[in-house]
N, C-alpha and C. Protein backbone atom coordinates (compact mmCIF):
# COMPACT_ATOMS: atom_id res chain seq x y z
N MET A 1 14.71 -177.20 -55.03
CA MET A 1 13.97 -175.94 -55.08
C MET A 1 13.31 -175.68 -53.72
N ALA A 2 12.77 -176.69 -53.11
CA ALA A 2 12.13 -176.52 -51.80
C ALA A 2 13.13 -176.05 -50.77
N LEU A 3 14.35 -176.61 -50.82
CA LEU A 3 15.39 -176.18 -49.88
C LEU A 3 15.76 -174.71 -50.10
N ARG A 4 15.84 -174.30 -51.36
CA ARG A 4 16.15 -172.91 -51.70
C ARG A 4 15.03 -171.99 -51.17
N ALA A 5 13.79 -172.38 -51.34
CA ALA A 5 12.66 -171.59 -50.81
C ALA A 5 12.72 -171.50 -49.30
N ALA A 6 13.06 -172.60 -48.63
CA ALA A 6 13.13 -172.60 -47.16
C ALA A 6 14.26 -171.67 -46.69
N ARG A 7 15.43 -171.73 -47.39
CA ARG A 7 16.52 -170.83 -47.04
C ARG A 7 16.12 -169.36 -47.21
N TYR A 8 15.37 -169.06 -48.30
CA TYR A 8 14.92 -167.67 -48.53
C TYR A 8 14.02 -167.23 -47.38
N LEU A 9 13.08 -168.07 -47.02
CA LEU A 9 12.12 -167.70 -45.98
C LEU A 9 12.83 -167.51 -44.64
N THR A 10 13.80 -168.39 -44.37
CA THR A 10 14.54 -168.27 -43.10
C THR A 10 15.42 -167.02 -43.08
N ALA A 11 15.99 -166.68 -44.19
CA ALA A 11 16.90 -165.51 -44.27
C ALA A 11 16.13 -164.20 -44.12
N ASN A 12 14.89 -164.16 -44.52
CA ASN A 12 14.11 -162.90 -44.51
C ASN A 12 12.96 -163.07 -43.55
N PHE A 13 13.17 -162.83 -42.26
CA PHE A 13 12.12 -163.08 -41.25
C PHE A 13 10.94 -162.17 -41.36
N ARG A 14 10.99 -161.04 -42.06
CA ARG A 14 9.87 -160.13 -42.17
C ARG A 14 8.95 -160.50 -43.32
N THR A 15 9.34 -161.47 -44.09
CA THR A 15 8.52 -161.86 -45.25
C THR A 15 8.24 -163.34 -45.19
N PHE A 16 7.02 -163.71 -45.51
CA PHE A 16 6.75 -165.14 -45.62
C PHE A 16 5.97 -165.37 -46.91
N SER A 17 6.07 -166.56 -47.43
CA SER A 17 5.38 -166.91 -48.68
C SER A 17 4.70 -168.24 -48.47
N THR A 18 3.59 -168.41 -49.14
CA THR A 18 2.86 -169.67 -49.08
C THR A 18 3.18 -170.46 -50.32
N LEU A 19 3.58 -171.69 -50.17
CA LEU A 19 3.83 -172.53 -51.32
C LEU A 19 2.54 -173.27 -51.65
N LEU A 20 2.10 -173.15 -52.86
CA LEU A 20 0.83 -173.79 -53.25
C LEU A 20 1.04 -175.25 -53.53
N ALA A 21 0.01 -176.04 -53.31
CA ALA A 21 0.05 -177.48 -53.59
C ALA A 21 0.13 -177.68 -55.08
N LEU A 22 0.77 -178.73 -55.45
CA LEU A 22 0.90 -179.04 -56.87
C LEU A 22 -0.39 -179.66 -57.37
N PRO A 23 -0.81 -179.34 -58.62
CA PRO A 23 -1.99 -180.03 -59.19
C PRO A 23 -1.63 -181.49 -59.46
N LYS A 24 -2.67 -182.34 -59.54
CA LYS A 24 -2.45 -183.78 -59.76
C LYS A 24 -1.62 -184.06 -61.00
N SER A 25 -1.76 -183.25 -62.02
CA SER A 25 -1.01 -183.46 -63.26
C SER A 25 0.50 -183.27 -63.05
N SER A 26 0.86 -182.58 -61.98
CA SER A 26 2.30 -182.33 -61.72
C SER A 26 2.90 -183.38 -60.82
N ILE A 27 2.11 -184.33 -60.32
CA ILE A 27 2.65 -185.33 -59.40
C ILE A 27 3.71 -186.16 -60.09
N ALA A 28 3.47 -186.56 -61.34
CA ALA A 28 4.45 -187.35 -62.07
C ALA A 28 5.75 -186.54 -62.26
N ALA A 29 5.61 -185.28 -62.59
CA ALA A 29 6.79 -184.44 -62.76
C ALA A 29 7.53 -184.30 -61.44
N ALA A 30 6.78 -184.19 -60.35
CA ALA A 30 7.42 -184.01 -59.03
C ALA A 30 8.23 -185.26 -58.67
N SER A 31 7.64 -186.45 -58.94
CA SER A 31 8.35 -187.69 -58.62
C SER A 31 9.58 -187.86 -59.50
N ALA A 32 9.58 -187.24 -60.66
CA ALA A 32 10.74 -187.33 -61.56
C ALA A 32 11.78 -186.27 -61.26
N GLY A 33 11.55 -185.50 -60.22
CA GLY A 33 12.55 -184.49 -59.82
C GLY A 33 12.35 -183.15 -60.49
N ARG A 34 11.29 -182.97 -61.24
CA ARG A 34 11.06 -181.71 -61.94
C ARG A 34 9.92 -180.98 -61.27
N VAL A 35 10.09 -180.63 -60.02
CA VAL A 35 9.04 -179.97 -59.26
C VAL A 35 9.00 -178.49 -59.65
N ARG A 36 7.84 -178.00 -59.95
CA ARG A 36 7.63 -176.58 -60.26
C ARG A 36 6.85 -175.95 -59.13
N TRP A 37 7.50 -175.13 -58.40
CA TRP A 37 6.88 -174.44 -57.26
C TRP A 37 6.43 -173.06 -57.72
N ARG A 38 5.27 -172.66 -57.21
CA ARG A 38 4.80 -171.30 -57.46
C ARG A 38 4.70 -170.61 -56.11
N LEU A 39 5.24 -169.43 -56.05
CA LEU A 39 5.10 -168.62 -54.84
C LEU A 39 3.91 -167.70 -55.02
N SER A 40 3.14 -167.57 -53.97
CA SER A 40 1.96 -166.67 -54.07
C SER A 40 1.83 -165.90 -52.78
N ALA A 41 1.15 -164.81 -52.89
CA ALA A 41 0.75 -163.99 -51.73
C ALA A 41 1.90 -163.65 -50.82
N THR A 42 3.00 -163.14 -51.38
CA THR A 42 4.07 -162.68 -50.54
C THR A 42 3.56 -161.47 -49.72
N ARG A 43 3.79 -161.50 -48.43
CA ARG A 43 3.25 -160.48 -47.56
C ARG A 43 4.33 -160.01 -46.61
N THR A 44 4.47 -158.72 -46.45
CA THR A 44 5.41 -158.18 -45.51
C THR A 44 4.63 -157.83 -44.24
N LEU A 45 5.13 -158.31 -43.13
CA LEU A 45 4.44 -158.07 -41.87
C LEU A 45 4.87 -156.75 -41.27
N GLY A 46 3.93 -156.02 -40.69
CA GLY A 46 4.25 -154.81 -39.95
C GLY A 46 4.83 -155.19 -38.60
N THR A 47 5.49 -154.28 -37.96
CA THR A 47 6.11 -154.57 -36.69
C THR A 47 5.10 -154.85 -35.57
N SER A 48 3.87 -154.35 -35.71
CA SER A 48 2.87 -154.56 -34.68
C SER A 48 1.98 -155.77 -34.98
N SER A 49 2.13 -156.39 -36.13
CA SER A 49 1.29 -157.52 -36.48
C SER A 49 1.79 -158.80 -35.84
N GLN A 50 0.86 -159.69 -35.54
CA GLN A 50 1.19 -161.00 -35.10
C GLN A 50 0.82 -161.99 -36.18
N LEU A 51 1.71 -162.90 -36.51
CA LEU A 51 1.47 -163.87 -37.53
C LEU A 51 0.27 -164.73 -37.17
N LEU A 52 -0.68 -164.87 -38.07
CA LEU A 52 -1.87 -165.65 -37.92
C LEU A 52 -2.67 -165.26 -36.68
N SER A 53 -2.85 -163.98 -36.46
CA SER A 53 -3.58 -163.47 -35.33
C SER A 53 -5.06 -163.89 -35.41
N ASP A 54 -5.62 -164.27 -34.26
CA ASP A 54 -7.04 -164.58 -34.20
C ASP A 54 -7.82 -163.42 -33.62
N ARG A 55 -7.18 -162.26 -33.52
CA ARG A 55 -7.85 -161.06 -33.00
C ARG A 55 -8.83 -160.54 -34.02
N ARG A 56 -10.01 -160.13 -33.56
CA ARG A 56 -11.05 -159.56 -34.41
C ARG A 56 -11.32 -158.13 -33.94
N PHE A 57 -11.77 -157.29 -34.85
CA PHE A 57 -11.93 -155.87 -34.57
C PHE A 57 -13.33 -155.36 -34.93
N THR A 58 -13.76 -154.32 -34.19
CA THR A 58 -15.00 -153.62 -34.53
C THR A 58 -14.65 -152.34 -35.29
N ASP A 59 -15.64 -151.71 -35.86
CA ASP A 59 -15.39 -150.44 -36.53
C ASP A 59 -15.29 -149.29 -35.52
N LYS A 60 -15.46 -149.60 -34.23
CA LYS A 60 -15.25 -148.63 -33.15
C LYS A 60 -13.88 -148.80 -32.52
N HIS A 61 -13.05 -149.70 -33.08
CA HIS A 61 -11.66 -149.91 -32.70
C HIS A 61 -11.46 -150.75 -31.44
N GLU A 62 -12.48 -151.51 -31.03
CA GLU A 62 -12.25 -152.51 -30.00
C GLU A 62 -11.78 -153.80 -30.67
N TRP A 63 -11.05 -154.60 -29.94
CA TRP A 63 -10.64 -155.91 -30.43
C TRP A 63 -11.09 -156.98 -29.43
N ILE A 64 -11.17 -158.21 -29.92
CA ILE A 64 -11.48 -159.34 -29.06
C ILE A 64 -10.74 -160.59 -29.54
N THR A 65 -10.24 -161.37 -28.60
CA THR A 65 -9.75 -162.70 -28.91
C THR A 65 -10.59 -163.65 -28.08
N VAL A 66 -10.93 -164.80 -28.64
CA VAL A 66 -11.79 -165.76 -27.96
C VAL A 66 -11.02 -167.05 -27.79
N LYS A 67 -11.02 -167.53 -26.54
CA LYS A 67 -10.37 -168.81 -26.22
C LYS A 67 -11.25 -169.54 -25.21
N ASN A 68 -11.65 -170.74 -25.58
CA ASN A 68 -12.49 -171.57 -24.70
C ASN A 68 -13.78 -170.87 -24.25
N GLY A 69 -14.39 -170.13 -25.15
CA GLY A 69 -15.65 -169.47 -24.86
C GLY A 69 -15.55 -168.16 -24.09
N ILE A 70 -14.32 -167.72 -23.79
CA ILE A 70 -14.13 -166.45 -23.05
C ILE A 70 -13.39 -165.49 -24.00
N GLY A 71 -13.95 -164.30 -24.10
CA GLY A 71 -13.34 -163.28 -24.97
C GLY A 71 -12.59 -162.27 -24.12
N THR A 72 -11.40 -161.90 -24.57
CA THR A 72 -10.64 -160.82 -23.98
C THR A 72 -10.77 -159.61 -24.88
N VAL A 73 -11.14 -158.48 -24.29
CA VAL A 73 -11.48 -157.26 -25.04
C VAL A 73 -10.51 -156.14 -24.72
N GLY A 74 -10.12 -155.40 -25.72
CA GLY A 74 -9.28 -154.20 -25.53
C GLY A 74 -9.52 -153.21 -26.66
N ILE A 75 -8.68 -152.19 -26.72
CA ILE A 75 -8.76 -151.25 -27.84
C ILE A 75 -7.54 -151.42 -28.72
N SER A 76 -7.69 -151.06 -29.96
CA SER A 76 -6.62 -151.23 -30.95
C SER A 76 -5.49 -150.25 -30.75
N ASN A 77 -4.40 -150.53 -31.37
CA ASN A 77 -3.25 -149.63 -31.34
C ASN A 77 -3.62 -148.30 -31.98
N TYR A 78 -4.38 -148.35 -33.05
CA TYR A 78 -4.83 -147.12 -33.69
C TYR A 78 -5.62 -146.26 -32.70
N ALA A 79 -6.51 -146.88 -31.94
CA ALA A 79 -7.34 -146.11 -30.98
C ALA A 79 -6.52 -145.53 -29.85
N GLN A 80 -5.58 -146.33 -29.32
CA GLN A 80 -4.79 -145.80 -28.21
C GLN A 80 -3.87 -144.68 -28.64
N GLU A 81 -3.38 -144.74 -29.89
CA GLU A 81 -2.56 -143.64 -30.42
C GLU A 81 -3.43 -142.39 -30.62
N ALA A 82 -4.64 -142.54 -31.08
CA ALA A 82 -5.53 -141.40 -31.29
C ALA A 82 -5.91 -140.76 -29.96
N LEU A 83 -6.10 -141.57 -28.94
CA LEU A 83 -6.47 -141.05 -27.62
C LEU A 83 -5.34 -140.29 -26.96
N GLY A 84 -4.14 -140.76 -27.09
CA GLY A 84 -3.04 -140.20 -26.35
C GLY A 84 -2.92 -140.89 -25.00
N ASP A 85 -2.25 -140.28 -24.07
CA ASP A 85 -1.96 -140.88 -22.76
C ASP A 85 -3.26 -141.09 -21.99
N VAL A 86 -3.63 -142.37 -21.77
CA VAL A 86 -4.86 -142.71 -21.03
C VAL A 86 -4.59 -142.46 -19.54
N VAL A 87 -5.52 -141.72 -18.89
CA VAL A 87 -5.38 -141.40 -17.49
C VAL A 87 -6.48 -141.99 -16.61
N TYR A 88 -7.54 -142.52 -17.25
CA TYR A 88 -8.64 -143.12 -16.48
C TYR A 88 -9.35 -144.16 -17.34
N CYS A 89 -9.69 -145.29 -16.71
CA CYS A 89 -10.46 -146.35 -17.37
C CYS A 89 -11.72 -146.63 -16.55
N GLY A 90 -12.85 -146.33 -17.11
CA GLY A 90 -14.11 -146.63 -16.49
C GLY A 90 -14.66 -147.95 -17.03
N LEU A 91 -14.64 -148.99 -16.21
CA LEU A 91 -15.02 -150.33 -16.68
C LEU A 91 -16.24 -150.83 -15.93
N PRO A 92 -16.97 -151.78 -16.50
CA PRO A 92 -18.19 -152.29 -15.86
C PRO A 92 -17.88 -153.24 -14.69
N GLU A 93 -18.90 -153.59 -13.97
CA GLU A 93 -18.75 -154.56 -12.88
C GLU A 93 -18.81 -155.98 -13.46
N VAL A 94 -18.15 -156.89 -12.80
CA VAL A 94 -18.24 -158.31 -13.17
C VAL A 94 -19.72 -158.71 -13.02
N GLY A 95 -20.21 -159.45 -13.98
CA GLY A 95 -21.61 -159.85 -14.00
C GLY A 95 -22.49 -159.00 -14.92
N THR A 96 -21.97 -157.90 -15.39
CA THR A 96 -22.74 -157.05 -16.31
C THR A 96 -22.99 -157.80 -17.59
N LYS A 97 -24.24 -157.83 -18.02
CA LYS A 97 -24.62 -158.47 -19.28
C LYS A 97 -24.59 -157.46 -20.41
N LEU A 98 -23.97 -157.83 -21.50
CA LEU A 98 -23.80 -156.91 -22.64
C LEU A 98 -24.33 -157.53 -23.90
N ASN A 99 -24.98 -156.70 -24.71
CA ASN A 99 -25.34 -157.10 -26.07
C ASN A 99 -24.28 -156.53 -27.00
N ILE A 100 -24.24 -157.09 -28.19
CA ILE A 100 -23.27 -156.61 -29.17
C ILE A 100 -23.43 -155.11 -29.39
N MET A 101 -22.34 -154.38 -29.34
CA MET A 101 -22.23 -152.92 -29.49
C MET A 101 -22.87 -152.11 -28.38
N ASP A 102 -23.15 -152.74 -27.25
CA ASP A 102 -23.57 -151.96 -26.06
C ASP A 102 -22.37 -151.16 -25.52
N GLU A 103 -22.63 -149.98 -25.05
CA GLU A 103 -21.58 -149.20 -24.40
C GLU A 103 -21.32 -149.83 -23.02
N PHE A 104 -20.04 -150.07 -22.72
CA PHE A 104 -19.75 -150.72 -21.43
C PHE A 104 -18.77 -149.95 -20.56
N GLY A 105 -18.27 -148.84 -21.04
CA GLY A 105 -17.32 -148.07 -20.24
C GLY A 105 -16.76 -146.92 -21.05
N ALA A 106 -15.70 -146.33 -20.49
CA ALA A 106 -15.06 -145.21 -21.16
C ALA A 106 -13.59 -145.11 -20.80
N LEU A 107 -12.83 -144.54 -21.69
CA LEU A 107 -11.43 -144.23 -21.45
C LEU A 107 -11.27 -142.71 -21.55
N GLU A 108 -10.49 -142.17 -20.63
CA GLU A 108 -10.22 -140.72 -20.68
C GLU A 108 -8.71 -140.56 -20.79
N SER A 109 -8.33 -139.63 -21.67
CA SER A 109 -6.94 -139.32 -21.86
C SER A 109 -6.71 -137.81 -21.62
N VAL A 110 -5.50 -137.38 -21.74
CA VAL A 110 -5.18 -135.97 -21.55
C VAL A 110 -5.83 -135.10 -22.65
N LYS A 111 -6.19 -135.71 -23.80
CA LYS A 111 -6.77 -134.88 -24.88
C LYS A 111 -8.13 -135.29 -25.33
N ALA A 112 -8.67 -136.39 -24.84
CA ALA A 112 -10.01 -136.86 -25.30
C ALA A 112 -10.61 -137.89 -24.36
N ALA A 113 -11.86 -138.16 -24.57
CA ALA A 113 -12.55 -139.27 -23.89
C ALA A 113 -13.23 -140.10 -24.98
N SER A 114 -13.32 -141.41 -24.72
CA SER A 114 -13.90 -142.28 -25.70
C SER A 114 -14.72 -143.37 -25.00
N GLU A 115 -15.92 -143.61 -25.54
CA GLU A 115 -16.77 -144.69 -25.02
C GLU A 115 -16.22 -146.04 -25.52
N LEU A 116 -16.53 -147.08 -24.77
CA LEU A 116 -16.14 -148.45 -25.15
C LEU A 116 -17.39 -149.24 -25.51
N TYR A 117 -17.29 -150.06 -26.56
CA TYR A 117 -18.44 -150.81 -27.02
C TYR A 117 -18.12 -152.31 -27.05
N SER A 118 -19.08 -153.09 -26.61
CA SER A 118 -18.90 -154.54 -26.57
C SER A 118 -18.88 -155.13 -28.00
N PRO A 119 -17.83 -155.87 -28.32
CA PRO A 119 -17.77 -156.46 -29.66
C PRO A 119 -18.73 -157.64 -29.85
N LEU A 120 -19.15 -158.29 -28.76
CA LEU A 120 -20.00 -159.45 -28.81
C LEU A 120 -21.03 -159.42 -27.67
N THR A 121 -21.98 -160.32 -27.73
CA THR A 121 -22.97 -160.51 -26.67
C THR A 121 -22.39 -161.46 -25.62
N GLY A 122 -22.52 -161.08 -24.36
CA GLY A 122 -22.03 -161.97 -23.29
C GLY A 122 -22.08 -161.27 -21.95
N GLU A 123 -21.42 -161.88 -20.97
CA GLU A 123 -21.40 -161.36 -19.60
C GLU A 123 -19.98 -161.13 -19.17
N VAL A 124 -19.73 -159.98 -18.54
CA VAL A 124 -18.38 -159.65 -18.03
C VAL A 124 -17.99 -160.62 -16.95
N THR A 125 -16.87 -161.28 -17.11
CA THR A 125 -16.38 -162.24 -16.12
C THR A 125 -15.19 -161.74 -15.33
N GLU A 126 -14.50 -160.73 -15.89
CA GLU A 126 -13.31 -160.19 -15.23
C GLU A 126 -13.00 -158.80 -15.80
N ILE A 127 -12.48 -157.93 -14.96
CA ILE A 127 -11.97 -156.64 -15.46
C ILE A 127 -10.48 -156.62 -15.15
N ASN A 128 -9.76 -155.81 -15.89
CA ASN A 128 -8.32 -155.69 -15.69
C ASN A 128 -8.10 -154.71 -14.53
N LYS A 129 -7.90 -155.25 -13.34
CA LYS A 129 -7.74 -154.45 -12.14
C LYS A 129 -6.45 -153.62 -12.17
N ALA A 130 -5.48 -154.06 -12.92
CA ALA A 130 -4.22 -153.32 -13.02
C ALA A 130 -4.42 -151.95 -13.63
N LEU A 131 -5.46 -151.74 -14.41
CA LEU A 131 -5.72 -150.45 -15.04
C LEU A 131 -6.18 -149.40 -14.05
N ALA A 132 -6.69 -149.79 -12.88
CA ALA A 132 -7.11 -148.80 -11.89
C ALA A 132 -5.90 -148.02 -11.38
N ASP A 133 -4.79 -148.69 -11.17
CA ASP A 133 -3.56 -148.02 -10.71
C ASP A 133 -2.68 -147.55 -11.83
N ASN A 134 -2.81 -148.17 -12.98
CA ASN A 134 -1.91 -147.88 -14.11
C ASN A 134 -2.68 -147.89 -15.44
N PRO A 135 -3.52 -146.86 -15.67
CA PRO A 135 -4.31 -146.85 -16.91
C PRO A 135 -3.43 -146.72 -18.16
N GLY A 136 -2.19 -146.26 -18.00
CA GLY A 136 -1.26 -146.13 -19.12
C GLY A 136 -0.89 -147.45 -19.75
N LEU A 137 -1.23 -148.59 -19.08
CA LEU A 137 -0.98 -149.89 -19.70
C LEU A 137 -1.73 -150.02 -21.05
N VAL A 138 -2.84 -149.31 -21.18
CA VAL A 138 -3.58 -149.33 -22.43
C VAL A 138 -2.69 -148.79 -23.54
N ASN A 139 -1.88 -147.77 -23.25
CA ASN A 139 -0.96 -147.21 -24.25
C ASN A 139 0.27 -148.07 -24.44
N LYS A 140 0.80 -148.57 -23.35
CA LYS A 140 2.08 -149.33 -23.42
C LYS A 140 1.92 -150.70 -24.02
N SER A 141 0.76 -151.32 -23.80
CA SER A 141 0.59 -152.72 -24.22
C SER A 141 -0.89 -153.01 -24.50
N CYS A 142 -1.42 -152.38 -25.50
CA CYS A 142 -2.89 -152.46 -25.72
C CYS A 142 -3.34 -153.88 -26.08
N TYR A 143 -2.47 -154.72 -26.61
CA TYR A 143 -2.88 -156.07 -27.00
C TYR A 143 -2.52 -157.12 -25.95
N GLU A 144 -1.77 -156.77 -24.93
CA GLU A 144 -1.35 -157.74 -23.94
C GLU A 144 -1.79 -157.31 -22.53
N GLU A 145 -0.97 -156.56 -21.85
CA GLU A 145 -1.26 -156.16 -20.46
C GLU A 145 -2.36 -155.10 -20.37
N GLY A 146 -2.65 -154.40 -21.42
CA GLY A 146 -3.63 -153.33 -21.41
C GLY A 146 -5.04 -153.76 -21.81
N TRP A 147 -5.35 -155.03 -21.75
CA TRP A 147 -6.71 -155.47 -22.07
C TRP A 147 -7.68 -154.87 -21.07
N LEU A 148 -8.96 -154.82 -21.42
CA LEU A 148 -9.96 -154.12 -20.59
C LEU A 148 -10.82 -155.10 -19.77
N ILE A 149 -11.54 -155.97 -20.49
CA ILE A 149 -12.44 -156.91 -19.81
C ILE A 149 -12.32 -158.29 -20.43
N LYS A 150 -12.78 -159.28 -19.67
CA LYS A 150 -13.01 -160.61 -20.22
C LYS A 150 -14.49 -160.89 -20.09
N MET A 151 -15.03 -161.58 -21.09
CA MET A 151 -16.47 -161.84 -21.13
C MET A 151 -16.80 -163.19 -21.72
N THR A 152 -17.96 -163.71 -21.37
CA THR A 152 -18.43 -164.94 -22.02
C THR A 152 -18.83 -164.58 -23.45
N VAL A 153 -18.82 -165.56 -24.32
CA VAL A 153 -19.29 -165.34 -25.68
C VAL A 153 -20.57 -166.14 -25.85
N ASP A 154 -21.71 -165.47 -25.75
CA ASP A 154 -23.00 -166.15 -25.81
C ASP A 154 -23.39 -166.62 -27.21
N ASN A 155 -22.92 -165.89 -28.23
CA ASN A 155 -23.26 -166.22 -29.61
C ASN A 155 -21.99 -166.25 -30.46
N PRO A 156 -21.32 -167.42 -30.55
CA PRO A 156 -20.04 -167.49 -31.30
C PRO A 156 -20.17 -167.04 -32.76
N ALA A 157 -21.34 -167.09 -33.34
CA ALA A 157 -21.51 -166.68 -34.75
C ALA A 157 -21.25 -165.20 -34.92
N GLU A 158 -21.39 -164.42 -33.83
CA GLU A 158 -21.14 -162.95 -33.93
C GLU A 158 -19.67 -162.66 -34.26
N VAL A 159 -18.77 -163.57 -33.91
CA VAL A 159 -17.36 -163.35 -34.20
C VAL A 159 -17.14 -163.16 -35.70
N ASP A 160 -17.89 -163.91 -36.49
CA ASP A 160 -17.71 -163.82 -37.94
C ASP A 160 -18.12 -162.48 -38.54
N GLN A 161 -18.89 -161.67 -37.78
CA GLN A 161 -19.27 -160.34 -38.24
C GLN A 161 -18.17 -159.31 -38.02
N LEU A 162 -17.15 -159.67 -37.24
CA LEU A 162 -16.06 -158.73 -36.94
C LEU A 162 -14.96 -158.83 -38.01
N MET A 163 -14.14 -157.79 -38.07
CA MET A 163 -13.05 -157.76 -39.05
C MET A 163 -11.85 -158.52 -38.54
N ASN A 164 -11.20 -159.29 -39.43
CA ASN A 164 -9.91 -159.87 -39.08
C ASN A 164 -8.85 -158.77 -39.17
N GLU A 165 -7.62 -159.11 -38.87
CA GLU A 165 -6.59 -158.07 -38.84
C GLU A 165 -6.36 -157.42 -40.20
N ALA A 166 -6.38 -158.19 -41.25
CA ALA A 166 -6.17 -157.61 -42.60
C ALA A 166 -7.30 -156.69 -42.99
N ALA A 167 -8.53 -157.05 -42.69
CA ALA A 167 -9.67 -156.21 -43.00
C ALA A 167 -9.64 -154.94 -42.14
N TYR A 168 -9.19 -155.07 -40.90
CA TYR A 168 -9.12 -153.88 -40.02
C TYR A 168 -8.05 -152.92 -40.52
N GLU A 169 -6.92 -153.45 -40.95
CA GLU A 169 -5.85 -152.58 -41.49
C GLU A 169 -6.35 -151.85 -42.73
N LYS A 170 -7.12 -152.52 -43.57
CA LYS A 170 -7.71 -151.88 -44.75
C LYS A 170 -8.70 -150.81 -44.34
N PHE A 171 -9.51 -151.08 -43.29
CA PHE A 171 -10.48 -150.14 -42.76
C PHE A 171 -9.76 -148.88 -42.26
N ILE A 172 -8.66 -149.06 -41.53
CA ILE A 172 -7.89 -147.93 -41.00
C ILE A 172 -7.37 -147.07 -42.14
N LYS A 173 -6.81 -147.71 -43.18
CA LYS A 173 -6.31 -146.97 -44.31
C LYS A 173 -7.41 -146.17 -45.00
N SER A 174 -8.61 -146.74 -45.04
CA SER A 174 -9.74 -146.02 -45.70
C SER A 174 -10.18 -144.80 -44.91
N ILE A 175 -10.08 -144.84 -43.58
CA ILE A 175 -10.48 -143.65 -42.82
C ILE A 175 -9.37 -142.63 -42.68
N GLU A 176 -8.13 -143.04 -42.93
CA GLU A 176 -7.02 -142.10 -42.91
C GLU A 176 -6.92 -141.30 -44.17
N ASP A 177 -7.45 -141.85 -45.29
CA ASP A 177 -7.36 -141.15 -46.58
C ASP A 177 -8.39 -140.05 -46.72
């Protein structure tokens, strides 16, 4: 049965399933070859989703990933689509201290302008200099090359206040309805 489940998962790359652990009462049955597997939480991934993403989101559509105490900040795909073609990125100077939800810059597009808000408390350690010459990177690659700033994370507990990807997708659906 486990081999059949593995073949199913391999054959359908857009779907994954979690196999639940067997209860202790089933251990004897498992050793006798009568394993009963239950499939749960089948989930279809969207084309823009990353499996097990550690990206967190604000309700203002900024995202942050934290690695070794440094957060990389950008705007979500939803935000860049709503803005349209970004033509200017106004970003803070390195060393700027930010509190959670402080305004730290702005993006301008051909149809709108939008302020940027800090998802966490910390200090700006780097700005994406590539955006000065090519602000369209925000549209082309908002989660990779189009990041905005890097910052220290002064209070790691603040990360827990942000939405994970599933909660953010639910939030987007609620504002679209």
